[in-house]
PDB file of N, CA and C in Angstrom:
ATOM      1  N   UNK A   1     102.339  90.968 112.350  1.00  0.00           N
ATOM      2  CA  UNK A   1     103.234  90.598 111.279  1.00  0.00           C
ATOM      3  C   UNK A   1     102.839  89.231 110.724  1.00  0.00           C
ATOM      4  N   UNK A   2     102.389  88.338 111.588  1.00  0.00           N
ATOM      5  CA  UNK A   2     102.016  87.009 111.144  1.00  0.00           C
ATOM      6  C   UNK A   2     100.847  87.084 110.161  1.00  0.00           C
ATOM      7  N   UNK A   3      99.899  87.986 110.436  1.00  0.00           N
ATOM      8  CA  UNK A   3      98.749  88.133 109.545  1.00  0.00           C
ATOM      9  C   UNK A   3      99.179  88.663 108.186  1.00  0.00           C
ATOM     10  N   UNK A   4     100.105  89.582 108.191  1.00  0.00           N
ATOM     11  CA  UNK A   4     100.596  90.146 106.936  1.00  0.00           C
ATOM     12  C   UNK A   4     101.303  89.083 106.115  1.00  0.00           C
ATOM     13  N   UNK A   5     102.134  88.295 106.753  1.00  0.00           N
ATOM     14  CA  UNK A   5     102.846  87.232 106.052  1.00  0.00           C
ATOM     15  C   UNK A   5     101.862  86.223 105.488  1.00  0.00           C
ATOM     16  N   UNK A   6     100.860  85.863 106.278  1.00  0.00           N
ATOM     17  CA  UNK A   6      99.845  84.925 105.812  1.00  0.00           C
ATOM     18  C   UNK A   6      99.099  85.494 104.608  1.00  0.00           C
ATOM     19  N   UNK A   7      98.779  86.775 104.666  1.00  0.00           N
ATOM     20  CA  UNK A   7      98.081  87.412 103.545  1.00  0.00           C
ATOM     21  C   UNK A   7      98.951  87.412 102.294  1.00  0.00           C
ATOM     22  N   UNK A   8     100.227  87.695 102.452  1.00  0.00           N
ATOM     23  CA  UNK A   8     101.124  87.695 101.292  1.00  0.00           C
ATOM     24  C   UNK A   8     101.253  86.302 100.694  1.00  0.00           C
ATOM     25  N   UNK A   9     101.392  85.310 101.554  1.00  0.00           N
ATOM     26  CA  UNK A   9     101.508  83.944 101.048  1.00  0.00           C
ATOM     27  C   UNK A   9     100.216  83.504 100.372  1.00  0.00           C
ATOM     28  N   UNK A  10      99.082  83.916 100.946  1.00  0.00           N
ATOM     29  CA  UNK A  10      97.805  83.598 100.322  1.00  0.00           C
ATOM     30  C   UNK A  10      97.679  84.228  98.953  1.00  0.00           C
ATOM     31  N   UNK A  11      98.085  85.484  98.846  1.00  0.00           N
ATOM     32  CA  UNK A  11      98.051  86.165  97.554  1.00  0.00           C
ATOM     33  C   UNK A  11      98.988  85.486  96.566  1.00  0.00           C
ATOM     34  N   UNK A  12     100.117  85.040  97.067  1.00  0.00           N
ATOM     35  CA  UNK A  12     101.068  84.347  96.201  1.00  0.00           C
ATOM     36  C   UNK A  12     100.530  83.029  95.696  1.00  0.00           C
ATOM     37  N   UNK A  13      99.864  82.303  96.569  1.00  0.00           N
ATOM     38  CA  UNK A  13      99.296  81.020  96.159  1.00  0.00           C
ATOM     39  C   UNK A  13      98.142  81.234  95.169  1.00  0.00           C
ATOM     40  N   UNK A  14      97.381  82.289  95.379  1.00  0.00           N
ATOM     41  CA  UNK A  14      96.319  82.619  94.431  1.00  0.00           C
ATOM     42  C   UNK A  14      96.921  82.924  93.065  1.00  0.00           C
ATOM     43  N   UNK A  15      97.981  83.689  93.051  1.00  0.00           N
ATOM     44  CA  UNK A  15      98.657  83.999  91.793  1.00  0.00           C
ATOM     45  C   UNK A  15      99.236  82.735  91.173  1.00  0.00           C
ATOM     46  N   UNK A  16      99.734  81.841  92.008  1.00  0.00           N
ATOM     47  CA  UNK A  16     100.290  80.577  91.523  1.00  0.00           C
ATOM     48  C   UNK A  16      99.205  79.749  90.858  1.00  0.00           C
ATOM     49  N   UNK A  17      98.054  79.693  91.470  1.00  0.00           N
ATOM     50  CA  UNK A  17      96.953  78.924  90.901  1.00  0.00           C
ATOM     51  C   UNK A  17      96.507  79.516  89.569  1.00  0.00           C
ATOM     52  N   UNK A  18      96.598  80.813  89.453  1.00  0.00           N
ATOM     53  CA  UNK A  18      96.147  81.482  88.236  1.00  0.00           C
ATOM     54  C   UNK A  18      97.176  81.441  87.115  1.00  0.00           C
ATOM     55  N   UNK A  19      98.440  81.208  87.435  1.00  0.00           N
ATOM     56  CA  UNK A  19      99.475  81.335  86.404  1.00  0.00           C
ATOM     57  C   UNK A  19      99.431  80.208  85.389  1.00  0.00           C
ATOM     58  N   UNK A  20      99.045  79.013  85.793  1.00  0.00           N
ATOM     59  CA  UNK A  20      98.835  77.937  84.840  1.00  0.00           C
ATOM     60  C   UNK A  20     100.068  77.476  84.095  1.00  0.00           C
ATOM     61  N   UNK A  21     101.257  77.676  84.611  1.00  0.00           N
ATOM     62  CA  UNK A  21     102.450  77.151  83.971  1.00  0.00           C
ATOM     63  C   UNK A  21     102.812  77.847  82.680  1.00  0.00           C
ATOM     64  N   UNK A  22     102.687  79.112  82.634  1.00  0.00           N
ATOM     65  CA  UNK A  22     102.925  79.849  81.405  1.00  0.00           C
ATOM     66  C   UNK A  22     104.402  79.956  81.046  1.00  0.00           C
ATOM     67  N   UNK A  23     105.284  79.681  81.983  1.00  0.00           N
ATOM     68  CA  UNK A  23     106.707  79.726  81.689  1.00  0.00           C
ATOM     69  C   UNK A  23     107.342  81.089  81.862  1.00  0.00           C
ATOM     70  N   UNK A  24     106.560  82.107  82.186  1.00  0.00           N
ATOM     71  CA  UNK A  24     107.161  83.405  82.430  1.00  0.00           C
ATOM     72  C   UNK A  24     107.106  83.716  83.928  1.00  0.00           C
ATOM     73  N   UNK A  25     107.712  84.797  84.300  1.00  0.00           N
ATOM     74  CA  UNK A  25     107.817  85.146  85.719  1.00  0.00           C
ATOM     75  C   UNK A  25     106.855  86.257  86.122  1.00  0.00           C
ATOM     76  N   UNK A  26     105.864  86.527  85.319  1.00  0.00           N
ATOM     77  CA  UNK A  26     104.972  87.659  85.563  1.00  0.00           C
ATOM     78  C   UNK A  26     104.245  87.550  86.889  1.00  0.00           C
ATOM     79  N   UNK A  27     103.653  86.393  87.179  1.00  0.00           N
ATOM     80  CA  UNK A  27     102.880  86.234  88.414  1.00  0.00           C
ATOM     81  C   UNK A  27     103.770  86.442  89.637  1.00  0.00           C
ATOM     82  N   UNK A  28     104.932  85.835  89.636  1.00  0.00           N
ATOM     83  CA  UNK A  28     105.853  85.994  90.755  1.00  0.00           C
ATOM     84  C   UNK A  28     106.339  87.420  90.907  1.00  0.00           C
ATOM     85  N   UNK A  29     106.611  88.053  89.791  1.00  0.00           N
ATOM     86  CA  UNK A  29     107.053  89.452  89.828  1.00  0.00           C
ATOM     87  C   UNK A  29     105.985  90.359  90.423  1.00  0.00           C
ATOM     88  N   UNK A  30     104.729  90.098  90.077  1.00  0.00           N
ATOM     89  CA  UNK A  30     103.645  90.924  90.605  1.00  0.00           C
ATOM     90  C   UNK A  30     103.528  90.786  92.117  1.00  0.00           C
ATOM     91  N   UNK A  31     103.680  89.573  92.630  1.00  0.00           N
ATOM     92  CA  UNK A  31     103.608  89.355  94.075  1.00  0.00           C
ATOM     93  C   UNK A  31     104.744  90.099  94.769  1.00  0.00           C
ATOM     94  N   UNK A  32     105.940  89.994  94.229  1.00  0.00           N
ATOM     95  CA  UNK A  32     107.091  90.678  94.827  1.00  0.00           C
ATOM     96  C   UNK A  32     106.927  92.195  94.757  1.00  0.00           C
ATOM     97  N   UNK A  33     106.401  92.686  93.649  1.00  0.00           N
ATOM     98  CA  UNK A  33     106.178  94.132  93.515  1.00  0.00           C
ATOM     99  C   UNK A  33     105.156  94.635  94.528  1.00  0.00           C
ATOM    100  N   UNK A  34     104.095  93.866  94.745  1.00  0.00           N
ATOM    101  CA  UNK A  34     103.087  94.249  95.730  1.00  0.00           C
ATOM    102  C   UNK A  34     103.681  94.261  97.134  1.00  0.00           C
ATOM    103  N   UNK A  35     104.510  93.283  97.435  1.00  0.00           N
ATOM    104  CA  UNK A  35     105.156  93.246  98.751  1.00  0.00           C
ATOM    105  C   UNK A  35     106.078  94.446  98.927  1.00  0.00           C
ATOM    106  N   UNK A  36     106.812  94.797  97.877  1.00  0.00           N
ATOM    107  CA  UNK A  36     107.693  95.965  97.948  1.00  0.00           C
ATOM    108  C   UNK A  36     106.908  97.245  98.178  1.00  0.00           C
ATOM    109  N   UNK A  37     105.765  97.360  97.523  1.00  0.00           N
ATOM    110  CA  UNK A  37     104.927  98.546  97.704  1.00  0.00           C
ATOM    111  C   UNK A  37     104.439  98.646  99.146  1.00  0.00           C
ATOM    112  N   UNK A  38     103.982  97.523  99.699  1.00  0.00           N
ATOM    113  CA  UNK A  38     103.536  97.521 101.103  1.00  0.00           C
ATOM    114  C   UNK A  38     104.692  97.872 102.041  1.00  0.00           C
ATOM    115  N   UNK A  39     105.861  97.309 101.756  1.00  0.00           N
ATOM    116  CA  UNK A  39     107.028  97.573 102.595  1.00  0.00           C
ATOM    117  C   UNK A  39     107.430  99.045 102.520  1.00  0.00           C
ATOM    118  N   UNK A  40     107.356  99.625 101.332  1.00  0.00           N
ATOM    119  CA  UNK A  40     107.669 101.047 101.186  1.00  0.00           C
ATOM    120  C   UNK A  40     106.723 101.910 102.023  1.00  0.00           C
ATOM    121  N   UNK A  41     105.441 101.544 102.033  1.00  0.00           N
ATOM    122  CA  UNK A  41     104.469 102.299 102.832  1.00  0.00           C
ATOM    123  C   UNK A  41     104.773 102.161 104.326  1.00  0.00           C
ATOM    124  N   UNK A  42     105.180 100.969 104.751  1.00  0.00           N
ATOM    125  CA  UNK A  42     105.538 100.768 106.156  1.00  0.00           C
ATOM    126  C   UNK A  42     106.754 101.605 106.536  1.00  0.00           C
ATOM    127  N   UNK A  43     107.733 101.654 105.649  1.00  0.00           N
ATOM    128  CA  UNK A  43     108.922 102.449 105.922  1.00  0.00           C
ATOM    129  C   UNK A  43     108.596 103.940 105.982  1.00  0.00           C
ATOM    130  N   UNK A  44     107.662 104.364 105.146  1.00  0.00           N
ATOM    131  CA  UNK A  44     107.235 105.762 105.188  1.00  0.00           C
ATOM    132  C   UNK A  44     106.558 106.068 106.526  1.00  0.00           C
ATOM    133  N   UNK A  45     105.713 105.143 106.983  1.00  0.00           N
ATOM    134  CA  UNK A  45     105.084 105.330 108.297  1.00  0.00           C
ATOM    135  C   UNK A  45     106.133 105.297 109.401  1.00  0.00           C
ATOM    136  N   UNK A  46     107.174 104.486 109.232  1.00  0.00           N
ATOM    137  CA  UNK A  46     108.237 104.410 110.234  1.00  0.00           C
ATOM    138  C   UNK A  46     108.953 105.747 110.370  1.00  0.00           C
ATOM    139  N   UNK A  47     109.131 106.421 109.255  1.00  0.00           N
ATOM    140  CA  UNK A  47     109.781 107.733 109.289  1.00  0.00           C
ATOM    141  C   UNK A  47     108.985 108.740 110.112  1.00  0.00           C
ATOM    142  N   UNK A  48     107.685 108.539 110.203  1.00  0.00           N
ATOM    143  CA  UNK A  48     106.814 109.452 110.933  1.00  0.00           C
ATOM    144  C   UNK A  48     106.351 108.885 112.274  1.00  0.00           C
ATOM    145  N   UNK A  49     106.968 107.805 112.720  1.00  0.00           N
ATOM    146  CA  UNK A  49     106.548 107.154 113.962  1.00  0.00           C
ATOM    147  C   UNK A  49     106.796 108.065 115.169  1.00  0.00           C
ATOM    148  N   UNK A  50     105.931 107.908 116.168  1.00  0.00           N
ATOM    149  CA  UNK A  50     106.018 108.747 117.369  1.00  0.00           C
ATOM    150  C   UNK A  50     107.189 108.344 118.253  1.00  0.00           C
ATOM    151  N   UNK A  51     107.505 107.056 118.272  1.00  0.00           N
ATOM    152  CA  UNK A  51     108.604 106.592 119.126  1.00  0.00           C
ATOM    153  C   UNK A  51     109.592 105.769 118.308  1.00  0.00           C
ATOM    154  N   UNK A  52     110.764 105.617 118.863  1.00  0.00           N
ATOM    155  CA  UNK A  52     111.785 104.810 118.195  1.00  0.00           C
ATOM    156  C   UNK A  52     111.375 103.341 118.141  1.00  0.00           C
ATOM    157  N   UNK A  53     110.686 102.870 119.174  1.00  0.00           N
ATOM    158  CA  UNK A  53     110.225 101.480 119.202  1.00  0.00           C
ATOM    159  C   UNK A  53     109.227 101.223 118.070  1.00  0.00           C
ATOM    160  N   UNK A  54     108.325 102.167 117.835  1.00  0.00           N
ATOM    161  CA  UNK A  54     107.376 102.030 116.733  1.00  0.00           C
ATOM    162  C   UNK A  54     108.095 102.037 115.396  1.00  0.00           C
ATOM    163  N   UNK A  55     109.076 102.904 115.290  1.00  0.00           N
ATOM    164  CA  UNK A  55     109.859 102.972 114.053  1.00  0.00           C
ATOM    165  C   UNK A  55     110.569 101.645 113.792  1.00  0.00           C
ATOM    166  N   UNK A  56     111.200 101.100 114.819  1.00  0.00           N
ATOM    167  CA  UNK A  56     111.908  99.828 114.673  1.00  0.00           C
ATOM    168  C   UNK A  56     110.958  98.702 114.284  1.00  0.00           C
ATOM    169  N   UNK A  57     109.778  98.678 114.910  1.00  0.00           N
ATOM    170  CA  UNK A  57     108.806  97.628 114.616  1.00  0.00           C
ATOM    171  C   UNK A  57     108.319  97.726 113.170  1.00  0.00           C
ATOM    172  N   UNK A  58     108.033  98.922 112.716  1.00  0.00           N
ATOM    173  CA  UNK A  58     107.574  99.109 111.343  1.00  0.00           C
ATOM    174  C   UNK A  58     108.659  98.738 110.340  1.00  0.00           C
ATOM    175  N   UNK A  59     109.886  99.095 110.642  1.00  0.00           N
ATOM    176  CA  UNK A  59     110.988  98.740 109.739  1.00  0.00           C
ATOM    177  C   UNK A  59     111.201  97.230 109.698  1.00  0.00           C
ATOM    178  N   UNK A  60     111.063  96.570 110.846  1.00  0.00           N
ATOM    179  CA  UNK A  60     111.188  95.111 110.885  1.00  0.00           C
ATOM    180  C   UNK A  60     110.058  94.456 110.085  1.00  0.00           C
ATOM    181  N   UNK A  61     108.851  94.988 110.215  1.00  0.00           N
ATOM    182  CA  UNK A  61     107.728  94.462 109.445  1.00  0.00           C
ATOM    183  C   UNK A  61     107.930  94.676 107.954  1.00  0.00           C
ATOM    184  N   UNK A  62     108.483  95.814 107.592  1.00  0.00           N
ATOM    185  CA  UNK A  62     108.752  96.091 106.185  1.00  0.00           C
ATOM    186  C   UNK A  62     109.751  95.089 105.622  1.00  0.00           C
ATOM    187  N   UNK A  63     110.789  94.822 106.377  1.00  0.00           N
ATOM    188  CA  UNK A  63     111.792  93.847 105.925  1.00  0.00           C
ATOM    189  C   UNK A  63     111.182  92.455 105.798  1.00  0.00           C
ATOM    190  N   UNK A  64     110.373  92.054 106.772  1.00  0.00           N
ATOM    191  CA  UNK A  64     109.719  90.740 106.729  1.00  0.00           C
ATOM    192  C   UNK A  64     108.759  90.651 105.544  1.00  0.00           C
ATOM    193  N   UNK A  65     108.090  91.740 105.240  1.00  0.00           N
ATOM    194  CA  UNK A  65     107.170  91.773 104.110  1.00  0.00           C
ATOM    195  C   UNK A  65     107.916  91.593 102.800  1.00  0.00           C
ATOM    196  N   UNK A  66     109.048  92.277 102.668  1.00  0.00           N
ATOM    197  CA  UNK A  66     109.866  92.120 101.446  1.00  0.00           C
ATOM    198  C   UNK A  66     110.364  90.685 101.310  1.00  0.00           C
ATOM    199  N   UNK A  67     110.850  90.122 102.403  1.00  0.00           N
ATOM    200  CA  UNK A  67     111.365  88.754 102.367  1.00  0.00           C
ATOM    201  C   UNK A  67     110.264  87.756 102.018  1.00  0.00           C
ATOM    202  N   UNK A  68     109.077  87.951 102.586  1.00  0.00           N
ATOM    203  CA  UNK A  68     107.956  87.060 102.282  1.00  0.00           C
ATOM    204  C   UNK A  68     107.562  87.183 100.814  1.00  0.00           C
ATOM    205  N   UNK A  69     107.572  88.393 100.291  1.00  0.00           N
ATOM    206  CA  UNK A  69     107.264  88.592  98.876  1.00  0.00           C
ATOM    207  C   UNK A  69     108.272  87.917  97.969  1.00  0.00           C
ATOM    208  N   UNK A  70     109.542  88.018  98.327  1.00  0.00           N
ATOM    209  CA  UNK A  70     110.587  87.372  97.523  1.00  0.00           C
ATOM    210  C   UNK A  70     110.477  85.849  97.595  1.00  0.00           C
ATOM    211  N   UNK A  71     110.188  85.333  98.789  1.00  0.00           N
ATOM    212  CA  UNK A  71     110.044  83.880  98.943  1.00  0.00           C
ATOM    213  C   UNK A  71     108.849  83.367  98.142  1.00  0.00           C
ATOM    214  N   UNK A  72     107.776  84.111  98.168  1.00  0.00           N
ATOM    215  CA  UNK A  72     106.593  83.714  97.412  1.00  0.00           C
ATOM    216  C   UNK A  72     106.864  83.792  95.917  1.00  0.00           C
ATOM    217  N   UNK A  73     107.574  84.831  95.497  1.00  0.00           N
ATOM    218  CA  UNK A  73     107.940  84.953  94.083  1.00  0.00           C
ATOM    219  C   UNK A  73     108.754  83.744  93.643  1.00  0.00           C
ATOM    220  N   UNK A  74     109.727  83.357  94.443  1.00  0.00           N
ATOM    221  CA  UNK A  74     110.557  82.195  94.101  1.00  0.00           C
ATOM    222  C   UNK A  74     109.730  80.917  94.045  1.00  0.00           C
ATOM    223  N   UNK A  75     108.791  80.757  94.983  1.00  0.00           N
ATOM    224  CA  UNK A  75     107.938  79.567  94.993  1.00  0.00           C
ATOM    225  C   UNK A  75     107.061  79.511  93.749  1.00  0.00           C
ATOM    226  N   UNK A  76     106.521  80.654  93.362  1.00  0.00           N
ATOM    227  CA  UNK A  76     105.695  80.706  92.152  1.00  0.00           C
ATOM    228  C   UNK A  76     106.537  80.382  90.929  1.00  0.00           C
ATOM    229  N   UNK A  77     107.703  80.984  90.833  1.00  0.00           N
ATOM    230  CA  UNK A  77     108.574  80.735  89.684  1.00  0.00           C
ATOM    231  C   UNK A  77     109.016  79.273  89.629  1.00  0.00           C
ATOM    232  N   UNK A  78     109.369  78.699  90.783  1.00  0.00           N
ATOM    233  CA  UNK A  78     109.774  77.290  90.825  1.00  0.00           C
ATOM    234  C   UNK A  78     108.622  76.373  90.427  1.00  0.00           C
ATOM    235  N   UNK A  79     107.431  76.659  90.914  1.00  0.00           N
ATOM    236  CA  UNK A  79     106.266  75.843  90.571  1.00  0.00           C
ATOM    237  C   UNK A  79     105.960  75.950  89.088  1.00  0.00           C
ATOM    238  N   UNK A  80     106.119  77.120  88.524  1.00  0.00           N
ATOM    239  CA  UNK A  80     105.865  77.330  87.109  1.00  0.00           C
ATOM    240  C   UNK A  80     106.838  76.510  86.272  1.00  0.00           C
ATOM    241  N   UNK A  81     108.096  76.466  86.671  1.00  0.00           N
ATOM    242  CA  UNK A  81     109.104  75.688  85.947  1.00  0.00           C
ATOM    243  C   UNK A  81     108.765  74.208  86.037  1.00  0.00           C
ATOM    244  N   UNK A  82     108.351  73.753  87.211  1.00  0.00           N
ATOM    245  CA  UNK A  82     108.011  72.341  87.390  1.00  0.00           C
ATOM    246  C   UNK A  82     106.812  71.947  86.538  1.00  0.00           C
ATOM    247  N   UNK A  83     105.836  72.806  86.413  1.00  0.00           N
ATOM    248  CA  UNK A  83     104.673  72.526  85.581  1.00  0.00           C
ATOM    249  C   UNK A  83     105.104  72.391  84.136  1.00  0.00           C
ATOM    250  N   UNK A  84     105.963  73.285  83.682  1.00  0.00           N
ATOM    251  CA  UNK A  84     106.425  73.224  82.287  1.00  0.00           C
ATOM    252  C   UNK A  84     107.261  71.985  82.010  1.00  0.00           C
ATOM    253  N   UNK A  85     107.986  71.490  82.988  1.00  0.00           N
ATOM    254  CA  UNK A  85     108.814  70.313  82.793  1.00  0.00           C
ATOM    255  C   UNK A  85     107.966  69.044  82.679  1.00  0.00           C
ATOM    256  N   UNK A  86     106.752  69.079  83.186  1.00  0.00           N
ATOM    257  CA  UNK A  86     105.891  67.905  83.127  1.00  0.00           C
ATOM    258  C   UNK A  86     105.307  67.713  81.727  1.00  0.00           C
ATOM    259  N   UNK A  87     105.300  68.730  80.918  1.00  0.00           N
ATOM    260  CA  UNK A  87     104.674  68.633  79.593  1.00  0.00           C
ATOM    261  C   UNK A  87     105.668  68.306  78.544  1.00  0.00           C
TER     262      UNK A  87
END
């Protein structure tokens, strides 16, 4: 789970670097959408898990992935607003 969170945050920071203070929420939205897609796939795998413990772990990872995506989206959006306020 730690690797997944790190990957999501890295992707978010990459998107942040690319957004350039455009004032819109597109970059942040894309990061959150990607996290939701990954989380949906994890939940689908959880439905087909062999054991209840595997199902619980996958569902917990899916929730953490969604939360990390939302946090990264907020960070990107906040940084974008701060860049625009400097000009």
